[in-house]
């Protein structure tokens, strides 16, 4: 084995890196107090002011995905209506970066999933 092969075989595999950085356990609780906290309010305000399409669009995508799941779990007591915020952030990302196909795709997927969830109720 040459030096390159030896060095590569000592690197951790991709799965172990992902597991250490991105735990698979999703937060499965909802705190109405945290959702309406000053931190949450400040985060929303920063996203509204941001001109970084990647930050805004990623926040919108995450909010859309997890909002649908958490909304399904806690629909009786969900403190914040995530859907308008997720859609607004995805629209803003599209406006900021019209050449990026990621944002219209994410927006379309969110709208389609929202319709499916509405039909399943």
C-alpha atoms as a PDB file:
ATOM      1  CA  UNK A   1       0.000   0.000   0.000  1.00  0.00           C
ATOM      2  CA  UNK A   2       1.233   3.465  -0.832  1.00  0.00           C
ATOM      3  CA  UNK A   3       0.983   6.488   1.466  1.00  0.00           C
ATOM      4  CA  UNK A   4      -2.217   7.769  -0.186  1.00  0.00           C
ATOM      5  CA  UNK A   5      -4.012   4.441   0.190  1.00  0.00           C
ATOM      6  CA  UNK A   6      -2.943   4.159   3.831  1.00  0.00           C
ATOM      7  CA  UNK A   7      -4.131   7.680   4.617  1.00  0.00           C
ATOM      8  CA  UNK A   8      -7.493   7.136   2.923  1.00  0.00           C
ATOM      9  CA  UNK A   9      -8.147   3.861   4.742  1.00  0.00           C
ATOM     10  CA  UNK A  10      -7.695   5.671   8.054  1.00  0.00           C
ATOM     11  CA  UNK A  11     -10.350   8.259   7.286  1.00  0.00           C
ATOM     12  CA  UNK A  12     -13.725   7.698   8.942  1.00  0.00           C
ATOM     13  CA  UNK A  13     -16.402   6.498   6.572  1.00  0.00           C
ATOM     14  CA  UNK A  14     -19.098   8.853   5.297  1.00  0.00           C
ATOM     15  CA  UNK A  15     -21.889   7.281   7.400  1.00  0.00           C
ATOM     16  CA  UNK A  16     -20.020   7.698  10.672  1.00  0.00           C
ATOM     17  CA  UNK A  17     -19.260  11.339   9.849  1.00  0.00           C
ATOM     18  CA  UNK A  18     -22.930  12.000   9.065  1.00  0.00           C
ATOM     19  CA  UNK A  19     -24.088  10.238  12.229  1.00  0.00           C
ATOM     20  CA  UNK A  20     -21.740  12.301  14.378  1.00  0.00           C
ATOM     21  CA  UNK A  21     -22.671  15.636  12.770  1.00  0.00           C
ATOM     22  CA  UNK A  22     -26.331  15.009  12.028  1.00  0.00           C
ATOM     23  CA  UNK A  23     -28.012  12.816  14.616  1.00  0.00           C
ATOM     24  CA  UNK A  24     -30.947  10.888  13.191  1.00  0.00           C
ATOM     25  CA  UNK A  25     -33.265  11.683  16.058  1.00  0.00           C
ATOM     26  CA  UNK A  26     -35.648  14.458  15.110  1.00  0.00           C
ATOM     27  CA  UNK A  27     -36.912  16.699  17.844  1.00  0.00           C
ATOM     28  CA  UNK A  28     -40.369  15.336  18.485  1.00  0.00           C
ATOM     29  CA  UNK A  29     -41.615  17.900  20.936  1.00  0.00           C
ATOM     30  CA  UNK A  30     -43.127  21.324  20.545  1.00  0.00           C
ATOM     31  CA  UNK A  31     -42.852  24.215  22.940  1.00  0.00           C
ATOM     32  CA  UNK A  32     -45.352  27.024  22.332  1.00  0.00           C
ATOM     33  CA  UNK A  33     -43.284  29.247  24.647  1.00  0.00           C
ATOM     34  CA  UNK A  34     -40.119  28.732  22.575  1.00  0.00           C
ATOM     35  CA  UNK A  35     -42.033  29.251  19.338  1.00  0.00           C
ATOM     36  CA  UNK A  36     -43.093  32.683  20.561  1.00  0.00           C
ATOM     37  CA  UNK A  37     -39.859  33.523  22.390  1.00  0.00           C
ATOM     38  CA  UNK A  38     -37.711  36.586  21.755  1.00  0.00           C
ATOM     39  CA  UNK A  39     -35.115  34.323  20.102  1.00  0.00           C
ATOM     40  CA  UNK A  40     -37.684  32.942  17.655  1.00  0.00           C
ATOM     41  CA  UNK A  41     -38.959  36.455  16.937  1.00  0.00           C
ATOM     42  CA  UNK A  42     -35.417  37.692  16.322  1.00  0.00           C
ATOM     43  CA  UNK A  43     -34.689  34.732  14.029  1.00  0.00           C
ATOM     44  CA  UNK A  44     -37.784  35.505  11.937  1.00  0.00           C
ATOM     45  CA  UNK A  45     -36.811  39.192  11.761  1.00  0.00           C
ATOM     46  CA  UNK A  46     -33.274  38.311  10.634  1.00  0.00           C
ATOM     47  CA  UNK A  47     -34.651  36.051   7.910  1.00  0.00           C
ATOM     48  CA  UNK A  48     -36.982  38.829   6.748  1.00  0.00           C
ATOM     49  CA  UNK A  49     -34.000  41.227   6.479  1.00  0.00           C
ATOM     50  CA  UNK A  50     -31.583  38.754   4.901  1.00  0.00           C
ATOM     51  CA  UNK A  51     -30.557  39.094   1.277  1.00  0.00           C
ATOM     52  CA  UNK A  52     -28.824  35.695   1.204  1.00  0.00           C
ATOM     53  CA  UNK A  53     -30.984  33.413  -0.933  1.00  0.00           C
ATOM     54  CA  UNK A  54     -29.312  30.279   0.428  1.00  0.00           C
ATOM     55  CA  UNK A  55     -29.988  31.187   4.059  1.00  0.00           C
ATOM     56  CA  UNK A  56     -33.554  32.293   3.396  1.00  0.00           C
ATOM     57  CA  UNK A  57     -34.383  29.387   1.087  1.00  0.00           C
ATOM     58  CA  UNK A  58     -32.845  26.752   3.326  1.00  0.00           C
ATOM     59  CA  UNK A  59     -34.763  28.111   6.310  1.00  0.00           C
ATOM     60  CA  UNK A  60     -37.944  28.029   4.236  1.00  0.00           C
ATOM     61  CA  UNK A  61     -37.268  24.465   3.082  1.00  0.00           C
ATOM     62  CA  UNK A  62     -36.545  23.205   6.592  1.00  0.00           C
ATOM     63  CA  UNK A  63     -39.542  25.008   7.993  1.00  0.00           C
ATOM     64  CA  UNK A  64     -41.751  23.595   5.238  1.00  0.00           C
ATOM     65  CA  UNK A  65     -40.569  20.024   5.760  1.00  0.00           C
ATOM     66  CA  UNK A  66     -40.516  19.920   9.553  1.00  0.00           C
ATOM     67  CA  UNK A  67     -43.503  22.229   9.873  1.00  0.00           C
ATOM     68  CA  UNK A  68     -45.650  19.724   8.007  1.00  0.00           C
ATOM     69  CA  UNK A  69     -44.452  16.880  10.228  1.00  0.00           C
ATOM     70  CA  UNK A  70     -44.652  18.756  13.517  1.00  0.00           C
ATOM     71  CA  UNK A  71     -47.983  20.291  12.539  1.00  0.00           C
ATOM     72  CA  UNK A  72     -49.330  16.796  12.025  1.00  0.00           C
ATOM     73  CA  UNK A  73     -48.083  15.676  15.425  1.00  0.00           C
ATOM     74  CA  UNK A  74     -49.168  18.748  17.388  1.00  0.00           C
ATOM     75  CA  UNK A  75     -51.990  20.212  15.301  1.00  0.00           C
ATOM     76  CA  UNK A  76     -54.186  21.003  18.322  1.00  0.00           C
ATOM     77  CA  UNK A  77     -51.557  23.128  20.049  1.00  0.00           C
ATOM     78  CA  UNK A  78     -49.089  24.219  17.387  1.00  0.00           C
ATOM     79  CA  UNK A  79     -48.232  27.798  18.389  1.00  0.00           C
ATOM     80  CA  UNK A  80     -47.046  29.226  15.071  1.00  0.00           C
ATOM     81  CA  UNK A  81     -48.597  28.825  11.654  1.00  0.00           C
ATOM     82  CA  UNK A  82     -45.461  27.722   9.814  1.00  0.00           C
ATOM     83  CA  UNK A  83     -47.024  27.489   6.339  1.00  0.00           C
ATOM     84  CA  UNK A  84     -47.216  31.211   5.466  1.00  0.00           C
ATOM     85  CA  UNK A  85     -43.693  31.772   6.810  1.00  0.00           C
ATOM     86  CA  UNK A  86     -42.242  28.796   4.910  1.00  0.00           C
ATOM     87  CA  UNK A  87     -43.922  29.900   1.699  1.00  0.00           C
ATOM     88  CA  UNK A  88     -42.831  33.528   2.158  1.00  0.00           C
ATOM     89  CA  UNK A  89     -39.217  32.478   2.716  1.00  0.00           C
ATOM     90  CA  UNK A  90     -39.206  30.207  -0.336  1.00  0.00           C
ATOM     91  CA  UNK A  91     -40.735  32.980  -2.457  1.00  0.00           C
ATOM     92  CA  UNK A  92     -38.128  35.425  -1.167  1.00  0.00           C
ATOM     93  CA  UNK A  93     -35.303  32.995  -2.008  1.00  0.00           C
ATOM     94  CA  UNK A  94     -36.717  32.671  -5.525  1.00  0.00           C
ATOM     95  CA  UNK A  95     -36.898  36.449  -5.828  1.00  0.00           C
ATOM     96  CA  UNK A  96     -33.300  36.818  -4.592  1.00  0.00           C
ATOM     97  CA  UNK A  97     -31.914  34.088  -6.859  1.00  0.00           C
ATOM     98  CA  UNK A  98     -34.163  33.579  -9.866  1.00  0.00           C
ATOM     99  CA  UNK A  99     -31.554  31.471 -11.676  1.00  0.00           C
ATOM    100  CA  UNK A 100     -31.493  28.790  -8.961  1.00  0.00           C
ATOM    101  CA  UNK A 101     -33.896  25.956  -9.831  1.00  0.00           C
ATOM    102  CA  UNK A 102     -33.800  24.767  -6.231  1.00  0.00           C
ATOM    103  CA  UNK A 103     -36.257  27.395  -4.966  1.00  0.00           C
ATOM    104  CA  UNK A 104     -39.170  26.919  -7.387  1.00  0.00           C
ATOM    105  CA  UNK A 105     -38.771  23.160  -6.943  1.00  0.00           C
ATOM    106  CA  UNK A 106     -38.848  23.444  -3.149  1.00  0.00           C
ATOM    107  CA  UNK A 107     -41.846  25.767  -3.317  1.00  0.00           C
ATOM    108  CA  UNK A 108     -43.750  23.415  -5.615  1.00  0.00           C
ATOM    109  CA  UNK A 109     -42.955  20.406  -3.415  1.00  0.00           C
ATOM    110  CA  UNK A 110     -44.127  22.280  -0.311  1.00  0.00           C
ATOM    111  CA  UNK A 111     -47.387  23.336  -1.955  1.00  0.00           C
ATOM    112  CA  UNK A 112     -48.042  19.814  -3.232  1.00  0.00           C
ATOM    113  CA  UNK A 113     -47.354  18.243   0.167  1.00  0.00           C
ATOM    114  CA  UNK A 114     -49.572  20.804   1.843  1.00  0.00           C
ATOM    115  CA  UNK A 115     -52.423  19.879  -0.491  1.00  0.00           C
ATOM    116  CA  UNK A 116     -51.873  16.182   0.203  1.00  0.00           C
ATOM    117  CA  UNK A 117     -51.929  16.782   3.951  1.00  0.00           C
ATOM    118  CA  UNK A 118     -55.131  18.800   3.573  1.00  0.00           C
ATOM    119  CA  UNK A 119     -56.773  15.967   1.653  1.00  0.00           C
ATOM    120  CA  UNK A 120     -55.674  13.380   4.229  1.00  0.00           C
ATOM    121  CA  UNK A 121     -57.485  15.168   7.076  1.00  0.00           C
END
